[in-house]
């Protein structure tokens, strides 16, 4: 799997989530996913260069982990919304849960990539 490309695609999705949220609400805090996407974009671009790949992908994983940590609190609220309940600022909850989902998928792919690279290195060593 080409993780620099996956990172860049994830960055674009997060930037779209942030842009959509800002367009719909006008709240500056809705740009947080776009900011995270920009950080991922920088990491993804750096990772296209072989000499920066390892550090850039670890940085991208850190950004993904921070995104998950910052948005995991939205999961109970979105479950309440799905169940017909009400929450304060439903758009914010939806955008946070979308950010969580995108970041979680990215982290699963990143961890899998790290495992595969480690296995390849061990196979090459002996």
Protein backbone atom coordinates (compact mmCIF):
# COMPACT_ATOMS: atom_id res chain seq x y z
CA UNK A 1 0.00 0.00 0.00
CA UNK A 2 1.28 3.43 -0.88
CA UNK A 3 0.92 5.21 2.46
CA UNK A 4 2.13 8.62 1.27
CA UNK A 5 -0.74 8.58 -1.23
CA UNK A 6 -3.21 7.37 1.43
CA UNK A 7 -1.99 10.17 3.70
CA UNK A 8 -2.53 12.78 1.00
CA UNK A 9 -6.04 11.47 0.25
CA UNK A 10 -6.88 11.49 3.96
CA UNK A 11 -5.58 15.04 4.16
CA UNK A 12 -7.86 16.10 1.32
CA UNK A 13 -10.88 14.49 2.97
CA UNK A 14 -10.19 16.25 6.27
CA UNK A 15 -9.72 19.57 4.49
CA UNK A 16 -13.08 19.05 2.77
CA UNK A 17 -14.75 18.23 6.11
CA UNK A 18 -13.33 21.41 7.64
CA UNK A 19 -14.25 23.54 4.65
CA UNK A 20 -17.77 22.16 4.56
CA UNK A 21 -18.19 22.76 8.28
CA UNK A 22 -16.97 26.33 8.01
CA UNK A 23 -19.22 27.00 5.03
CA UNK A 24 -22.25 25.61 6.85
CA UNK A 25 -21.66 27.13 10.29
CA UNK A 26 -19.20 29.99 9.94
CA UNK A 27 -17.54 28.80 13.16
CA UNK A 28 -13.76 28.98 13.07
CA UNK A 29 -13.50 25.83 15.19
CA UNK A 30 -15.02 23.86 12.32
CA UNK A 31 -11.74 24.45 10.48
CA UNK A 32 -9.88 22.15 12.90
CA UNK A 33 -10.24 19.13 10.56
CA UNK A 34 -8.82 21.26 7.74
CA UNK A 35 -5.85 22.18 9.92
CA UNK A 36 -5.28 18.50 10.73
CA UNK A 37 -5.60 17.75 7.03
CA UNK A 38 -2.99 20.38 6.22
CA UNK A 39 -0.59 18.78 8.70
CA UNK A 40 -1.25 15.38 7.16
CA UNK A 41 -0.72 16.87 3.72
CA UNK A 42 2.72 18.15 4.72
CA UNK A 43 3.60 14.74 6.15
CA UNK A 44 2.31 13.02 3.01
CA UNK A 45 4.32 15.27 0.73
CA UNK A 46 7.47 14.74 2.80
CA UNK A 47 6.85 10.98 2.76
CA UNK A 48 7.07 10.93 -1.02
CA UNK A 49 10.83 11.42 -0.58
CA UNK A 50 12.44 8.16 0.52
CA UNK A 51 14.85 9.78 2.97
CA UNK A 52 11.97 11.46 4.87
CA UNK A 53 9.42 8.65 4.62
CA UNK A 54 9.85 6.98 8.02
CA UNK A 55 9.79 10.21 10.03
CA UNK A 56 7.01 11.76 7.95
CA UNK A 57 4.78 8.70 8.32
CA UNK A 58 5.37 8.59 12.06
CA UNK A 59 4.44 12.27 12.18
CA UNK A 60 1.31 11.53 10.17
CA UNK A 61 0.40 8.75 12.59
CA UNK A 62 0.81 11.21 15.48
CA UNK A 63 -1.54 13.67 13.77
CA UNK A 64 -4.04 10.83 13.22
CA UNK A 65 -3.80 9.82 16.86
CA UNK A 66 -4.36 13.41 18.00
CA UNK A 67 -7.39 13.66 15.71
CA UNK A 68 -8.84 10.48 17.18
CA UNK A 69 -8.20 11.67 20.72
CA UNK A 70 -9.82 15.02 20.02
CA UNK A 71 -12.95 13.61 18.40
CA UNK A 72 -13.68 10.35 20.21
CA UNK A 73 -16.00 12.23 22.57
CA UNK A 74 -18.42 12.79 19.70
CA UNK A 75 -19.23 9.09 19.34
CA UNK A 76 -21.80 8.89 22.18
CA UNK A 77 -23.40 12.09 20.91
CA UNK A 78 -23.71 10.84 17.33
CA UNK A 79 -25.19 7.59 18.63
CA UNK A 80 -27.76 9.69 20.47
CA UNK A 81 -28.48 11.60 17.26
CA UNK A 82 -28.93 8.39 15.30
CA UNK A 83 -31.27 7.12 18.00
CA UNK A 84 -33.48 10.18 17.58
CA UNK A 85 -32.13 12.17 20.51
CA UNK A 86 -31.09 15.77 20.51
CA UNK A 87 -27.68 17.25 21.13
CA UNK A 88 -26.29 20.73 21.30
CA UNK A 89 -24.74 21.75 17.95
CA UNK A 90 -25.65 18.66 15.87
CA UNK A 91 -23.56 19.80 12.88
CA UNK A 92 -20.46 19.97 15.08
CA UNK A 93 -21.16 16.46 16.36
CA UNK A 94 -21.57 15.15 12.83
CA UNK A 95 -18.35 16.79 11.63
CA UNK A 96 -16.43 15.54 14.66
CA UNK A 97 -17.68 12.00 14.14
CA UNK A 98 -16.73 12.19 10.45
CA UNK A 99 -13.27 13.38 11.45
CA UNK A 100 -13.05 10.52 13.93
CA UNK A 101 -14.07 7.95 11.34
CA UNK A 102 -11.63 9.20 8.70
CA UNK A 103 -8.82 9.39 11.25
CA UNK A 104 -9.56 5.94 12.64
CA UNK A 105 -9.45 4.36 9.18
CA UNK A 106 -6.21 6.21 8.48
CA UNK A 107 -4.68 4.94 11.73
CA UNK A 108 -5.66 1.33 10.98
CA UNK A 109 -4.00 1.62 7.57
CA UNK A 110 -0.92 3.33 9.04
CA UNK A 111 -0.43 0.71 11.77
CA UNK A 112 -0.88 -2.06 9.22
CA UNK A 113 1.71 -0.38 7.01
CA UNK A 114 4.18 -0.14 9.92
CA UNK A 115 3.69 -3.84 10.65
CA UNK A 116 4.22 -4.79 7.00
CA UNK A 117 7.40 -2.71 6.74
CA UNK A 118 8.79 -4.31 9.91
CA UNK A 119 8.04 -7.78 8.56
CA UNK A 120 9.77 -6.94 5.26
CA UNK A 121 12.85 -5.67 7.11
CA UNK A 122 13.03 -8.82 9.24
CA UNK A 123 12.69 -11.01 6.14
CA UNK A 124 15.50 -9.13 4.42
CA UNK A 125 17.78 -9.44 7.43
CA UNK A 126 17.55 -13.08 7.81
